[in-house]
Amino acid sequence: MSGTIILAIVIAVVVVLGAAVLILRTGTRDHGRDLRRRFGPEYDRVAARHGDQAAAEQELAERVRERDALTLRPLAQDERERYERTWTSVQERFIDDPRGAAQQADQVIGGLLTAIGYPSEDREKQLDLASVDHAYALSDYRQARELARRGLNGDGAVDHTKRTDGAAAGTTAPGTTAPDTPAPSSTETLREAMLHYRVMFNDLLGRAGAERAHAGQR
């Protein structure tokens, strides 16, 4: 075999390998772009946690595979109506019991996720799987949980252990909030949590478009 033929073969192999590498890199970039588009803020959250884009994309791709193995089901009409009535009662409860309403809102969404078919044995795993179908609303849900935690812990609430205006210990001074009532700042935090919970609730019921339009106006 002449040297010219050998050189031609080597050049051909190099060209083929180069093309294969280019296709692989292009496919990887496209895959990452698809994951970023699909998961949105969840992609950024996972990437920040890993500190490595490749590791984040590997986790998200695994979520997609696990989600595809699930058998999800649409809610029957009577189930939808039952959840809608429950959600209405949760919102009405907020007027007199903001803390209880926020806690119940989280429970309702957990029950709804389970009813649709996301496994409930591990709540964080359940949310990871739900992120495949509801990534953008899940960002609201995570915000809701954090706001609810702050509101329930009384972040920014009035310190009722201190006496003001000479009030006796164990009494409520004029202009303060009774010990069992959330302070205004806590109530506002819980109100914000309810708005974010509602985005997730509506998304799970397939009403995301109307809710997002409303959310953009507030």
C-alpha atoms as a PDB file:
ATOM      1  CA  MET A   1       0.000   0.000   0.000  1.00  0.00           C
ATOM      2  CA  SER A   2       1.492   3.289  -1.070  1.00  0.00           C
ATOM      3  CA  GLY A   3       2.126   6.141   1.304  1.00  0.00           C
ATOM      4  CA  THR A   4      -0.418   8.284  -0.545  1.00  0.00           C
ATOM      5  CA  ILE A   5      -3.192   5.779   0.090  1.00  0.00           C
ATOM      6  CA  ILE A   6      -2.248   5.456   3.758  1.00  0.00           C
ATOM      7  CA  LEU A   7      -2.251   9.242   4.123  1.00  0.00           C
ATOM      8  CA  ALA A   8      -5.655   9.444   2.479  1.00  0.00           C
ATOM      9  CA  ILE A   9      -7.030   6.822   4.877  1.00  0.00           C
ATOM     10  CA  VAL A  10      -5.609   8.655   7.894  1.00  0.00           C
ATOM     11  CA  ILE A  11      -7.117  11.939   6.721  1.00  0.00           C
ATOM     12  CA  ALA A  12     -10.488  10.259   6.169  1.00  0.00           C
ATOM     13  CA  VAL A  13     -10.439   8.763   9.685  1.00  0.00           C
ATOM     14  CA  VAL A  14      -9.552  12.116  11.199  1.00  0.00           C
ATOM     15  CA  VAL A  15     -12.373  13.809   9.308  1.00  0.00           C
ATOM     16  CA  VAL A  16     -14.901  11.177  10.425  1.00  0.00           C
ATOM     17  CA  LEU A  17     -13.779  11.383  14.047  1.00  0.00           C
ATOM     18  CA  GLY A  18     -13.910  15.176  13.933  1.00  0.00           C
ATOM     19  CA  ALA A  19     -17.421  15.079  12.522  1.00  0.00           C
ATOM     20  CA  ALA A  20     -18.487  12.610  15.221  1.00  0.00           C
ATOM     21  CA  VAL A  21     -17.098  14.840  17.972  1.00  0.00           C
ATOM     22  CA  LEU A  22     -18.841  17.864  16.475  1.00  0.00           C
ATOM     23  CA  ILE A  23     -22.152  16.021  16.298  1.00  0.00           C
ATOM     24  CA  LEU A  24     -21.742  14.824  19.884  1.00  0.00           C
ATOM     25  CA  ARG A  25     -20.985  18.320  21.148  1.00  0.00           C
ATOM     26  CA  THR A  26     -23.876  19.795  19.199  1.00  0.00           C
ATOM     27  CA  GLY A  27     -26.210  17.126  20.570  1.00  0.00           C
ATOM     28  CA  THR A  28     -25.029  17.787  24.108  1.00  0.00           C
ATOM     29  CA  ARG A  29     -25.582  21.526  23.721  1.00  0.00           C
ATOM     30  CA  ASP A  30     -29.036  20.952  22.260  1.00  0.00           C
ATOM     31  CA  HIS A  31     -29.896  18.541  25.088  1.00  0.00           C
ATOM     32  CA  GLY A  32     -28.797  21.074  27.687  1.00  0.00           C
ATOM     33  CA  ARG A  33     -30.774  23.785  25.916  1.00  0.00           C
ATOM     34  CA  ASP A  34     -33.873  21.589  25.908  1.00  0.00           C
ATOM     35  CA  LEU A  35     -33.501  20.870  29.616  1.00  0.00           C
ATOM     36  CA  ARG A  36     -33.039  24.553  30.414  1.00  0.00           C
ATOM     37  CA  ARG A  37     -36.151  25.427  28.419  1.00  0.00           C
ATOM     38  CA  ARG A  38     -38.175  22.627  29.995  1.00  0.00           C
ATOM     39  CA  PHE A  39     -37.162  23.194  33.614  1.00  0.00           C
ATOM     40  CA  GLY A  40     -36.650  26.963  33.624  1.00  0.00           C
ATOM     41  CA  PRO A  41     -36.013  28.184  37.176  1.00  0.00           C
ATOM     42  CA  GLU A  42     -35.685  24.594  38.406  1.00  0.00           C
ATOM     43  CA  TYR A  43     -32.699  24.160  36.069  1.00  0.00           C
ATOM     44  CA  ASP A  44     -31.019  27.181  37.657  1.00  0.00           C
ATOM     45  CA  ARG A  45     -31.801  25.939  41.165  1.00  0.00           C
ATOM     46  CA  VAL A  46     -30.330  22.479  40.530  1.00  0.00           C
ATOM     47  CA  ALA A  47     -27.290  23.909  38.735  1.00  0.00           C
ATOM     48  CA  ALA A  48     -26.621  26.241  41.673  1.00  0.00           C
ATOM     49  CA  ARG A  49     -26.901  23.336  44.110  1.00  0.00           C
ATOM     50  CA  HIS A  50     -24.499  21.155  42.143  1.00  0.00           C
ATOM     51  CA  GLY A  51     -22.176  23.964  41.122  1.00  0.00           C
ATOM     52  CA  ASP A  52     -21.712  22.040  37.904  1.00  0.00           C
ATOM     53  CA  GLN A  53     -23.861  22.276  34.791  1.00  0.00           C
ATOM     54  CA  ALA A  54     -23.160  18.743  33.595  1.00  0.00           C
ATOM     55  CA  ALA A  55     -24.134  17.239  36.958  1.00  0.00           C
ATOM     56  CA  ALA A  56     -27.306  19.312  37.027  1.00  0.00           C
ATOM     57  CA  GLU A  57     -28.292  18.168  33.543  1.00  0.00           C
ATOM     58  CA  GLN A  58     -27.605  14.568  34.491  1.00  0.00           C
ATOM     59  CA  GLU A  59     -29.959  14.869  37.482  1.00  0.00           C
ATOM     60  CA  LEU A  60     -32.681  16.556  35.440  1.00  0.00           C
ATOM     61  CA  ALA A  61     -32.393  13.970  32.673  1.00  0.00           C
ATOM     62  CA  GLU A  62     -32.791  11.244  35.306  1.00  0.00           C
ATOM     63  CA  ARG A  63     -35.917  12.987  36.582  1.00  0.00           C
ATOM     64  CA  VAL A  64     -37.351  12.870  33.067  1.00  0.00           C
ATOM     65  CA  ARG A  65     -36.631   9.133  32.804  1.00  0.00           C
ATOM     66  CA  GLU A  66     -38.226   8.436  36.189  1.00  0.00           C
ATOM     67  CA  ARG A  67     -41.218  10.617  35.380  1.00  0.00           C
ATOM     68  CA  ASP A  68     -41.736   8.817  32.073  1.00  0.00           C
ATOM     69  CA  ALA A  69     -41.953   5.540  34.012  1.00  0.00           C
ATOM     70  CA  LEU A  70     -44.902   6.827  36.048  1.00  0.00           C
ATOM     71  CA  THR A  71     -48.535   6.349  35.165  1.00  0.00           C
ATOM     72  CA  LEU A  72     -50.186   9.705  35.778  1.00  0.00           C
ATOM     73  CA  ARG A  73     -53.909  10.166  35.422  1.00  0.00           C
ATOM     74  CA  PRO A  74     -56.205  13.138  34.837  1.00  0.00           C
ATOM     75  CA  LEU A  75     -58.560  13.961  37.658  1.00  0.00           C
ATOM     76  CA  ALA A  76     -62.176  12.974  37.246  1.00  0.00           C
ATOM     77  CA  GLN A  77     -64.617  15.862  37.096  1.00  0.00           C
ATOM     78  CA  ASP A  78     -65.987  15.173  40.562  1.00  0.00           C
ATOM     79  CA  GLU A  79     -62.439  15.132  41.964  1.00  0.00           C
ATOM     80  CA  ARG A  80     -61.650  18.473  40.324  1.00  0.00           C
ATOM     81  CA  GLU A  81     -64.795  19.995  41.775  1.00  0.00           C
ATOM     82  CA  ARG A  82     -63.985  18.611  45.216  1.00  0.00           C
ATOM     83  CA  TYR A  83     -60.491  20.128  45.135  1.00  0.00           C
ATOM     84  CA  GLU A  84     -61.867  23.427  43.881  1.00  0.00           C
ATOM     85  CA  ARG A  85     -64.372  23.544  46.750  1.00  0.00           C
ATOM     86  CA  THR A  86     -61.618  22.684  49.203  1.00  0.00           C
ATOM     87  CA  TRP A  87     -59.397  25.445  47.830  1.00  0.00           C
ATOM     88  CA  THR A  88     -62.226  27.960  48.122  1.00  0.00           C
ATOM     89  CA  SER A  89     -62.671  27.010  51.775  1.00  0.00           C
ATOM     90  CA  VAL A  90     -58.915  27.369  52.347  1.00  0.00           C
ATOM     91  CA  GLN A  91     -58.994  30.908  50.979  1.00  0.00           C
ATOM     92  CA  GLU A  92     -62.002  31.757  53.117  1.00  0.00           C
ATOM     93  CA  ARG A  93     -60.269  30.324  56.173  1.00  0.00           C
ATOM     94  CA  PHE A  94     -57.373  32.716  55.634  1.00  0.00           C
ATOM     95  CA  ILE A  95     -59.537  35.635  56.794  1.00  0.00           C
ATOM     96  CA  ASP A  96     -59.784  34.312  60.356  1.00  0.00           C
ATOM     97  CA  ASP A  97     -56.899  31.837  60.469  1.00  0.00           C
ATOM     98  CA  PRO A  98     -53.979  32.776  58.180  1.00  0.00           C
ATOM     99  CA  ARG A  99     -51.619  30.240  59.762  1.00  0.00           C
ATOM    100  CA  GLY A 100     -54.043  27.352  59.475  1.00  0.00           C
ATOM    101  CA  ALA A 101     -54.946  28.310  55.905  1.00  0.00           C
ATOM    102  CA  ALA A 102     -51.311  28.356  54.789  1.00  0.00           C
ATOM    103  CA  GLN A 103     -50.684  24.948  56.342  1.00  0.00           C
ATOM    104  CA  GLN A 104     -53.829  23.524  54.783  1.00  0.00           C
ATOM    105  CA  ALA A 105     -52.924  24.960  51.368  1.00  0.00           C
ATOM    106  CA  ASP A 106     -49.671  23.012  51.429  1.00  0.00           C
ATOM    107  CA  GLN A 107     -51.523  19.847  52.419  1.00  0.00           C
ATOM    108  CA  VAL A 108     -54.083  20.279  49.634  1.00  0.00           C
ATOM    109  CA  ILE A 109     -51.349  20.600  47.014  1.00  0.00           C
ATOM    110  CA  GLY A 110     -49.582  17.533  48.408  1.00  0.00           C
ATOM    111  CA  GLY A 111     -52.817  15.575  48.167  1.00  0.00           C
ATOM    112  CA  LEU A 112     -53.381  16.798  44.631  1.00  0.00           C
ATOM    113  CA  LEU A 113     -49.907  15.712  43.532  1.00  0.00           C
ATOM    114  CA  THR A 114     -50.547  12.270  44.995  1.00  0.00           C
ATOM    115  CA  ALA A 115     -53.970  12.002  43.372  1.00  0.00           C
ATOM    116  CA  ILE A 116     -52.459  12.755  39.964  1.00  0.00           C
ATOM    117  CA  GLY A 117     -49.943   9.963  40.449  1.00  0.00           C
ATOM    118  CA  TYR A 118     -46.675  11.390  41.755  1.00  0.00           C
ATOM    119  CA  PRO A 119     -45.424   8.992  44.481  1.00  0.00           C
ATOM    120  CA  SER A 120     -45.859  10.433  47.966  1.00  0.00           C
ATOM    121  CA  GLU A 121     -43.424   8.317  49.990  1.00  0.00           C
ATOM    122  CA  ASP A 122     -40.770  11.058  49.817  1.00  0.00           C
ATOM    123  CA  ARG A 123     -42.112  14.617  49.520  1.00  0.00           C
ATOM    124  CA  GLU A 124     -38.945  16.108  48.023  1.00  0.00           C
ATOM    125  CA  LYS A 125     -38.738  13.260  45.518  1.00  0.00           C
ATOM    126  CA  GLN A 126     -42.373  13.870  44.674  1.00  0.00           C
ATOM    127  CA  LEU A 127     -41.611  17.514  43.924  1.00  0.00           C
ATOM    128  CA  ASP A 128     -38.575  16.550  41.831  1.00  0.00           C
ATOM    129  CA  LEU A 129     -40.745  14.329  39.652  1.00  0.00           C
ATOM    130  CA  ALA A 130     -43.488  16.946  39.428  1.00  0.00           C
ATOM    131  CA  SER A 131     -40.897  19.455  38.221  1.00  0.00           C
ATOM    132  CA  VAL A 132     -40.751  17.585  34.905  1.00  0.00           C
ATOM    133  CA  ASP A 133     -44.326  18.671  34.138  1.00  0.00           C
ATOM    134  CA  HIS A 134     -44.776  21.723  36.371  1.00  0.00           C
ATOM    135  CA  ALA A 135     -41.336  23.317  36.676  1.00  0.00           C
ATOM    136  CA  TYR A 136     -42.417  26.939  36.438  1.00  0.00           C
ATOM    137  CA  ALA A 137     -45.313  26.604  38.876  1.00  0.00           C
ATOM    138  CA  LEU A 138     -43.065  24.600  41.174  1.00  0.00           C
ATOM    139  CA  SER A 139     -40.861  27.670  41.494  1.00  0.00           C
ATOM    140  CA  ASP A 140     -43.892  29.489  42.915  1.00  0.00           C
ATOM    141  CA  TYR A 141     -44.605  26.551  45.184  1.00  0.00           C
ATOM    142  CA  ARG A 142     -41.094  26.581  46.609  1.00  0.00           C
ATOM    143  CA  GLN A 143     -41.446  30.312  47.239  1.00  0.00           C
ATOM    144  CA  ALA A 144     -44.781  29.666  48.927  1.00  0.00           C
ATOM    145  CA  ARG A 145     -43.260  27.112  51.300  1.00  0.00           C
ATOM    146  CA  GLU A 146     -40.441  29.451  52.238  1.00  0.00           C
ATOM    147  CA  LEU A 147     -42.827  32.369  52.801  1.00  0.00           C
ATOM    148  CA  ALA A 148     -45.144  30.151  54.837  1.00  0.00           C
ATOM    149  CA  ARG A 149     -42.227  28.987  56.958  1.00  0.00           C
ATOM    150  CA  ARG A 150     -41.260  32.585  57.673  1.00  0.00           C
ATOM    151  CA  GLY A 151     -44.847  33.605  58.374  1.00  0.00           C
ATOM    152  CA  LEU A 152     -45.492  30.652  60.658  1.00  0.00           C
ATOM    153  CA  ASN A 153     -42.258  31.354  62.535  1.00  0.00           C
ATOM    154  CA  GLY A 154     -43.389  34.936  63.034  1.00  0.00           C
ATOM    155  CA  ASP A 155     -40.493  36.578  61.211  1.00  0.00           C
ATOM    156  CA  GLY A 156     -40.953  40.289  61.786  1.00  0.00           C
ATOM    157  CA  ALA A 157     -43.752  39.737  64.287  1.00  0.00           C
ATOM    158  CA  VAL A 158     -44.282  41.921  67.319  1.00  0.00           C
ATOM    159  CA  ASP A 159     -42.496  40.700  70.452  1.00  0.00           C
ATOM    160  CA  HIS A 160     -45.347  40.161  72.910  1.00  0.00           C
ATOM    161  CA  THR A 161     -43.057  39.255  75.780  1.00  0.00           C
ATOM    162  CA  LYS A 162     -42.133  42.895  76.295  1.00  0.00           C
ATOM    163  CA  ARG A 163     -44.432  45.310  78.087  1.00  0.00           C
ATOM    164  CA  THR A 164     -45.283  48.587  76.389  1.00  0.00           C
ATOM    165  CA  ASP A 165     -46.989  51.718  77.707  1.00  0.00           C
ATOM    166  CA  GLY A 166     -46.663  50.343  81.221  1.00  0.00           C
ATOM    167  CA  ALA A 167     -48.942  47.406  80.546  1.00  0.00           C
ATOM    168  CA  ALA A 168     -48.827  44.641  83.112  1.00  0.00           C
ATOM    169  CA  ALA A 169     -47.170  41.354  82.230  1.00  0.00           C
ATOM    170  CA  GLY A 170     -49.578  38.891  80.594  1.00  0.00           C
ATOM    171  CA  THR A 171     -51.793  41.622  79.138  1.00  0.00           C
ATOM    172  CA  THR A 172     -51.957  43.075  75.646  1.00  0.00           C
ATOM    173  CA  ALA A 173     -50.894  46.685  75.478  1.00  0.00           C
ATOM    174  CA  PRO A 174     -52.995  49.140  73.457  1.00  0.00           C
ATOM    175  CA  GLY A 175     -52.092  49.070  69.765  1.00  0.00           C
ATOM    176  CA  THR A 176     -50.398  45.638  69.902  1.00  0.00           C
ATOM    177  CA  THR A 177     -51.583  42.270  68.583  1.00  0.00           C
ATOM    178  CA  ALA A 178     -52.962  39.535  70.805  1.00  0.00           C
ATOM    179  CA  PRO A 179     -50.453  36.694  71.359  1.00  0.00           C
ATOM    180  CA  ASP A 180     -52.427  34.141  69.305  1.00  0.00           C
ATOM    181  CA  THR A 181     -52.951  36.511  66.365  1.00  0.00           C
ATOM    182  CA  PRO A 182     -50.276  36.785  63.641  1.00  0.00           C
ATOM    183  CA  ALA A 183     -48.625  40.176  63.558  1.00  0.00           C
ATOM    184  CA  PRO A 184     -49.429  42.260  60.458  1.00  0.00           C
ATOM    185  CA  SER A 185     -46.044  41.550  58.898  1.00  0.00           C
ATOM    186  CA  SER A 186     -46.511  37.790  59.379  1.00  0.00           C
ATOM    187  CA  THR A 187     -50.024  37.930  57.955  1.00  0.00           C
ATOM    188  CA  GLU A 188     -48.761  39.743  54.865  1.00  0.00           C
ATOM    189  CA  THR A 189     -46.032  37.125  54.424  1.00  0.00           C
ATOM    190  CA  LEU A 190     -48.634  34.371  54.660  1.00  0.00           C
ATOM    191  CA  ARG A 191     -50.846  36.221  52.171  1.00  0.00           C
ATOM    192  CA  GLU A 192     -47.968  36.248  49.696  1.00  0.00           C
ATOM    193  CA  ALA A 193     -47.459  32.540  50.329  1.00  0.00           C
ATOM    194  CA  MET A 194     -51.116  31.887  49.494  1.00  0.00           C
ATOM    195  CA  LEU A 195     -50.755  33.679  46.162  1.00  0.00           C
ATOM    196  CA  HIS A 196     -47.827  31.452  45.225  1.00  0.00           C
ATOM    197  CA  TYR A 197     -49.629  28.328  46.461  1.00  0.00           C
ATOM    198  CA  ARG A 198     -52.528  29.273  44.199  1.00  0.00           C
ATOM    199  CA  VAL A 199     -50.265  29.329  41.139  1.00  0.00           C
ATOM    200  CA  MET A 200     -49.240  25.725  41.818  1.00  0.00           C
ATOM    201  CA  PHE A 201     -52.795  24.654  42.573  1.00  0.00           C
ATOM    202  CA  ASN A 202     -54.123  26.134  39.335  1.00  0.00           C
ATOM    203  CA  ASP A 203     -51.259  24.676  37.328  1.00  0.00           C
ATOM    204  CA  LEU A 204     -52.006  21.185  38.628  1.00  0.00           C
ATOM    205  CA  LEU A 205     -55.637  21.660  37.623  1.00  0.00           C
ATOM    206  CA  GLY A 206     -54.602  22.909  34.184  1.00  0.00           C
ATOM    207  CA  ARG A 207     -55.644  26.496  34.819  1.00  0.00           C
ATOM    208  CA  ALA A 208     -52.130  27.967  34.684  1.00  0.00           C
ATOM    209  CA  GLY A 209     -52.757  30.383  31.821  1.00  0.00           C
ATOM    210  CA  ALA A 210     -55.433  32.369  33.610  1.00  0.00           C
ATOM    211  CA  GLU A 211     -53.514  32.339  36.880  1.00  0.00           C
ATOM    212  CA  ARG A 212     -50.272  33.522  35.305  1.00  0.00           C
ATOM    213  CA  ALA A 213     -52.111  36.329  33.563  1.00  0.00           C
ATOM    214  CA  HIS A 214     -53.531  37.331  36.919  1.00  0.00           C
ATOM    215  CA  ALA A 215     -50.143  36.965  38.603  1.00  0.00           C
ATOM    216  CA  GLY A 216     -48.601  39.325  36.077  1.00  0.00           C
ATOM    217  CA  GLN A 217     -51.061  42.036  37.094  1.00  0.00           C
ATOM    218  CA  ARG A 218     -50.423  41.975  40.805  1.00  0.00           C
END
